[in-house]
């Protein structure tokens, strides 16, 4: 089950509107809509914790490996990084469609892909002209 589906199911179970959940965690109802539709993910770990508390579940339940990867990519590289991370996950999932790897092998592969992504981004900083570097990247 995807992040957005988990949030929506838990919210409905608690009989909360998107507006009410947003008020509980300090975001707009539009943000909750975007979470539920898969358009965006929380930008900070604190939001995941607030969601888990408001929805009465364990934070790890709503925050799977994939969401953590996207959150970290977003925190380090902004919207473009989050988009690239999402694309990597989708393409990797397509590779596993045949079901020939064990779950442990799939997890190991995903961890390796995520490490490669962050390593390549760090190496690319060396070759980025200074005028395009942000203060965080230097």
C-alpha atoms as a PDB file:
ATOM      1  CA  UNK A   1       0.000   0.000   0.000  1.00  0.00           C
ATOM      2  CA  UNK A   2       1.316   3.410  -0.962  1.00  0.00           C
ATOM      3  CA  UNK A   3       1.840   6.317   1.405  1.00  0.00           C
ATOM      4  CA  UNK A   4      -1.201   8.263   0.157  1.00  0.00           C
ATOM      5  CA  UNK A   5      -3.474   5.241   0.488  1.00  0.00           C
ATOM      6  CA  UNK A   6      -2.288   4.634   4.045  1.00  0.00           C
ATOM      7  CA  UNK A   7      -2.956   8.248   5.027  1.00  0.00           C
ATOM      8  CA  UNK A   8      -6.413   8.251   3.449  1.00  0.00           C
ATOM      9  CA  UNK A   9      -7.445   4.905   4.986  1.00  0.00           C
ATOM     10  CA  UNK A  10      -6.284   5.914   8.456  1.00  0.00           C
ATOM     11  CA  UNK A  11      -7.937   9.338   8.161  1.00  0.00           C
ATOM     12  CA  UNK A  12     -11.245   7.773   7.113  1.00  0.00           C
ATOM     13  CA  UNK A  13     -11.012   5.224   9.965  1.00  0.00           C
ATOM     14  CA  UNK A  14     -10.576   8.112  12.414  1.00  0.00           C
ATOM     15  CA  UNK A  15     -13.506   9.904  10.761  1.00  0.00           C
ATOM     16  CA  UNK A  16     -11.397  12.978  10.077  1.00  0.00           C
ATOM     17  CA  UNK A  17     -11.811  15.315   7.131  1.00  0.00           C
ATOM     18  CA  UNK A  18      -8.758  16.409   5.191  1.00  0.00           C
ATOM     19  CA  UNK A  19      -9.246  19.853   6.716  1.00  0.00           C
ATOM     20  CA  UNK A  20      -9.333  18.450  10.262  1.00  0.00           C
ATOM     21  CA  UNK A  21      -6.220  16.327   9.744  1.00  0.00           C
ATOM     22  CA  UNK A  22      -4.406  19.286   8.258  1.00  0.00           C
ATOM     23  CA  UNK A  23      -5.284  21.418  11.275  1.00  0.00           C
ATOM     24  CA  UNK A  24      -4.081  18.674  13.646  1.00  0.00           C
ATOM     25  CA  UNK A  25      -0.653  18.497  12.070  1.00  0.00           C
ATOM     26  CA  UNK A  26      -0.276  22.135  11.013  1.00  0.00           C
ATOM     27  CA  UNK A  27      -0.652  21.927   7.225  1.00  0.00           C
ATOM     28  CA  UNK A  28      -3.378  22.932   4.787  1.00  0.00           C
ATOM     29  CA  UNK A  29      -6.111  20.588   3.590  1.00  0.00           C
ATOM     30  CA  UNK A  30      -4.588  20.965   0.096  1.00  0.00           C
ATOM     31  CA  UNK A  31      -1.367  19.446   1.430  1.00  0.00           C
ATOM     32  CA  UNK A  32      -3.334  16.488   2.786  1.00  0.00           C
ATOM     33  CA  UNK A  33      -5.013  16.142  -0.618  1.00  0.00           C
ATOM     34  CA  UNK A  34      -1.593  16.081  -2.279  1.00  0.00           C
ATOM     35  CA  UNK A  35      -0.318  13.444   0.171  1.00  0.00           C
ATOM     36  CA  UNK A  36      -3.333  11.232  -0.434  1.00  0.00           C
ATOM     37  CA  UNK A  37      -3.163  11.540  -4.207  1.00  0.00           C
ATOM     38  CA  UNK A  38       0.585  10.830  -4.292  1.00  0.00           C
ATOM     39  CA  UNK A  39       1.429  14.264  -5.690  1.00  0.00           C
ATOM     40  CA  UNK A  40       3.736  15.089  -2.785  1.00  0.00           C
ATOM     41  CA  UNK A  41       5.274  13.695   0.383  1.00  0.00           C
ATOM     42  CA  UNK A  42       6.093  15.380   3.682  1.00  0.00           C
ATOM     43  CA  UNK A  43       9.245  17.446   3.451  1.00  0.00           C
ATOM     44  CA  UNK A  44      10.396  16.764   6.997  1.00  0.00           C
ATOM     45  CA  UNK A  45      10.555  13.886   9.408  1.00  0.00           C
ATOM     46  CA  UNK A  46       8.542  15.905  11.938  1.00  0.00           C
ATOM     47  CA  UNK A  47       5.505  15.859   9.653  1.00  0.00           C
ATOM     48  CA  UNK A  48       5.652  12.061   9.489  1.00  0.00           C
ATOM     49  CA  UNK A  49       5.721  11.975  13.296  1.00  0.00           C
ATOM     50  CA  UNK A  50       2.751  14.366  13.538  1.00  0.00           C
ATOM     51  CA  UNK A  51       0.801  12.315  10.998  1.00  0.00           C
ATOM     52  CA  UNK A  52       1.483   9.100  12.920  1.00  0.00           C
ATOM     53  CA  UNK A  53       0.359  10.699  16.192  1.00  0.00           C
ATOM     54  CA  UNK A  54      -2.778  12.234  14.683  1.00  0.00           C
ATOM     55  CA  UNK A  55      -3.715   8.991  12.922  1.00  0.00           C
ATOM     56  CA  UNK A  56      -2.861   6.754  15.887  1.00  0.00           C
ATOM     57  CA  UNK A  57      -0.338   4.552  14.110  1.00  0.00           C
ATOM     58  CA  UNK A  58       3.349   3.778  14.164  1.00  0.00           C
ATOM     59  CA  UNK A  59       5.473   6.214  12.178  1.00  0.00           C
ATOM     60  CA  UNK A  60       7.219   3.295  10.462  1.00  0.00           C
ATOM     61  CA  UNK A  61       3.889   2.107   9.089  1.00  0.00           C
ATOM     62  CA  UNK A  62       3.340   5.263   7.069  1.00  0.00           C
ATOM     63  CA  UNK A  63       6.996   5.859   6.340  1.00  0.00           C
ATOM     64  CA  UNK A  64       8.288   3.017   4.230  1.00  0.00           C
ATOM     65  CA  UNK A  65      11.742   2.842   2.690  1.00  0.00           C
ATOM     66  CA  UNK A  66      10.510   4.451  -0.526  1.00  0.00           C
ATOM     67  CA  UNK A  67       8.975   7.467   1.168  1.00  0.00           C
ATOM     68  CA  UNK A  68      12.114   7.977   3.241  1.00  0.00           C
ATOM     69  CA  UNK A  69      14.244   7.931   0.078  1.00  0.00           C
ATOM     70  CA  UNK A  70      12.009  10.542  -1.564  1.00  0.00           C
ATOM     71  CA  UNK A  71      11.971  12.692   1.587  1.00  0.00           C
ATOM     72  CA  UNK A  72      15.765  12.599   1.872  1.00  0.00           C
ATOM     73  CA  UNK A  73      16.196  13.383  -1.836  1.00  0.00           C
ATOM     74  CA  UNK A  74      13.766  16.287  -1.488  1.00  0.00           C
ATOM     75  CA  UNK A  75      15.517  17.638   1.603  1.00  0.00           C
ATOM     76  CA  UNK A  76      18.928  17.519  -0.061  1.00  0.00           C
ATOM     77  CA  UNK A  77      18.093  18.361  -3.675  1.00  0.00           C
ATOM     78  CA  UNK A  78      14.670  19.976  -3.670  1.00  0.00           C
ATOM     79  CA  UNK A  79      11.713  19.219  -5.900  1.00  0.00           C
ATOM     80  CA  UNK A  80      13.888  18.029  -8.758  1.00  0.00           C
ATOM     81  CA  UNK A  81      15.648  15.550  -6.469  1.00  0.00           C
ATOM     82  CA  UNK A  82      12.318  14.213  -5.224  1.00  0.00           C
ATOM     83  CA  UNK A  83      11.105  13.833  -8.793  1.00  0.00           C
ATOM     84  CA  UNK A  84      14.273  11.978  -9.788  1.00  0.00           C
ATOM     85  CA  UNK A  85      13.985   9.703  -6.746  1.00  0.00           C
ATOM     86  CA  UNK A  86      10.357   8.912  -7.607  1.00  0.00           C
ATOM     87  CA  UNK A  87      11.352   8.094 -11.180  1.00  0.00           C
ATOM     88  CA  UNK A  88      14.132   5.774  -9.975  1.00  0.00           C
ATOM     89  CA  UNK A  89      11.678   3.931  -7.733  1.00  0.00           C
ATOM     90  CA  UNK A  90       9.130   3.536 -10.530  1.00  0.00           C
ATOM     91  CA  UNK A  91      11.709   2.252 -12.997  1.00  0.00           C
ATOM     92  CA  UNK A  92      13.174  -0.117 -10.437  1.00  0.00           C
ATOM     93  CA  UNK A  93       9.729  -1.481  -9.575  1.00  0.00           C
ATOM     94  CA  UNK A  94       9.172  -2.181 -13.273  1.00  0.00           C
ATOM     95  CA  UNK A  95      12.344  -4.278 -13.302  1.00  0.00           C
ATOM     96  CA  UNK A  96      10.932  -6.475 -10.536  1.00  0.00           C
ATOM     97  CA  UNK A  97       7.636  -7.082 -12.308  1.00  0.00           C
ATOM     98  CA  UNK A  98       8.802 -10.581 -13.325  1.00  0.00           C
ATOM     99  CA  UNK A  99       9.141 -11.571  -9.665  1.00  0.00           C
ATOM    100  CA  UNK A 100      12.434 -13.450 -10.070  1.00  0.00           C
ATOM    101  CA  UNK A 101      14.217 -11.921  -7.060  1.00  0.00           C
ATOM    102  CA  UNK A 102      13.542 -12.728  -3.434  1.00  0.00           C
ATOM    103  CA  UNK A 103      12.271  -9.922  -1.193  1.00  0.00           C
ATOM    104  CA  UNK A 104      15.684  -9.758   0.514  1.00  0.00           C
ATOM    105  CA  UNK A 105      17.427  -9.384  -2.853  1.00  0.00           C
ATOM    106  CA  UNK A 106      14.955  -6.676  -3.917  1.00  0.00           C
ATOM    107  CA  UNK A 107      15.572  -4.767  -0.671  1.00  0.00           C
ATOM    108  CA  UNK A 108      19.353  -5.056  -1.067  1.00  0.00           C
ATOM    109  CA  UNK A 109      19.052  -3.833  -4.659  1.00  0.00           C
ATOM    110  CA  UNK A 110      16.898  -0.869  -3.621  1.00  0.00           C
ATOM    111  CA  UNK A 111      19.376   0.126  -0.896  1.00  0.00           C
ATOM    112  CA  UNK A 112      22.201  -0.021  -3.429  1.00  0.00           C
ATOM    113  CA  UNK A 113      20.286   2.080  -5.993  1.00  0.00           C
ATOM    114  CA  UNK A 114      19.520   4.687  -3.333  1.00  0.00           C
ATOM    115  CA  UNK A 115      23.182   4.818  -2.258  1.00  0.00           C
ATOM    116  CA  UNK A 116      24.289   5.186  -5.869  1.00  0.00           C
ATOM    117  CA  UNK A 117      21.833   8.049  -6.369  1.00  0.00           C
ATOM    118  CA  UNK A 118      23.148  10.037  -3.406  1.00  0.00           C
ATOM    119  CA  UNK A 119      26.804   9.248  -4.243  1.00  0.00           C
ATOM    120  CA  UNK A 120      26.369  10.386  -7.845  1.00  0.00           C
ATOM    121  CA  UNK A 121      24.695  13.626  -6.710  1.00  0.00           C
ATOM    122  CA  UNK A 122      27.602  14.301  -4.332  1.00  0.00           C
ATOM    123  CA  UNK A 123      30.182  13.624  -7.061  1.00  0.00           C
ATOM    124  CA  UNK A 124      28.312  15.854  -9.520  1.00  0.00           C
ATOM    125  CA  UNK A 125      28.770  18.823  -7.172  1.00  0.00           C
ATOM    126  CA  UNK A 126      32.476  18.897  -8.104  1.00  0.00           C
ATOM    127  CA  UNK A 127      31.602  19.617 -11.712  1.00  0.00           C
ATOM    128  CA  UNK A 128      28.790  22.110 -11.155  1.00  0.00           C
ATOM    129  CA  UNK A 129      29.813  25.692 -11.994  1.00  0.00           C
ATOM    130  CA  UNK A 130      29.819  27.914  -8.925  1.00  0.00           C
ATOM    131  CA  UNK A 131      27.101  30.190 -10.304  1.00  0.00           C
ATOM    132  CA  UNK A 132      24.687  27.220 -10.299  1.00  0.00           C
ATOM    133  CA  UNK A 133      25.578  25.948  -6.844  1.00  0.00           C
ATOM    134  CA  UNK A 134      23.338  26.787  -3.925  1.00  0.00           C
ATOM    135  CA  UNK A 135      24.755  27.720  -0.562  1.00  0.00           C
ATOM    136  CA  UNK A 136      23.718  24.302   0.801  1.00  0.00           C
ATOM    137  CA  UNK A 137      25.546  22.436  -1.991  1.00  0.00           C
ATOM    138  CA  UNK A 138      28.916  24.127  -1.399  1.00  0.00           C
END
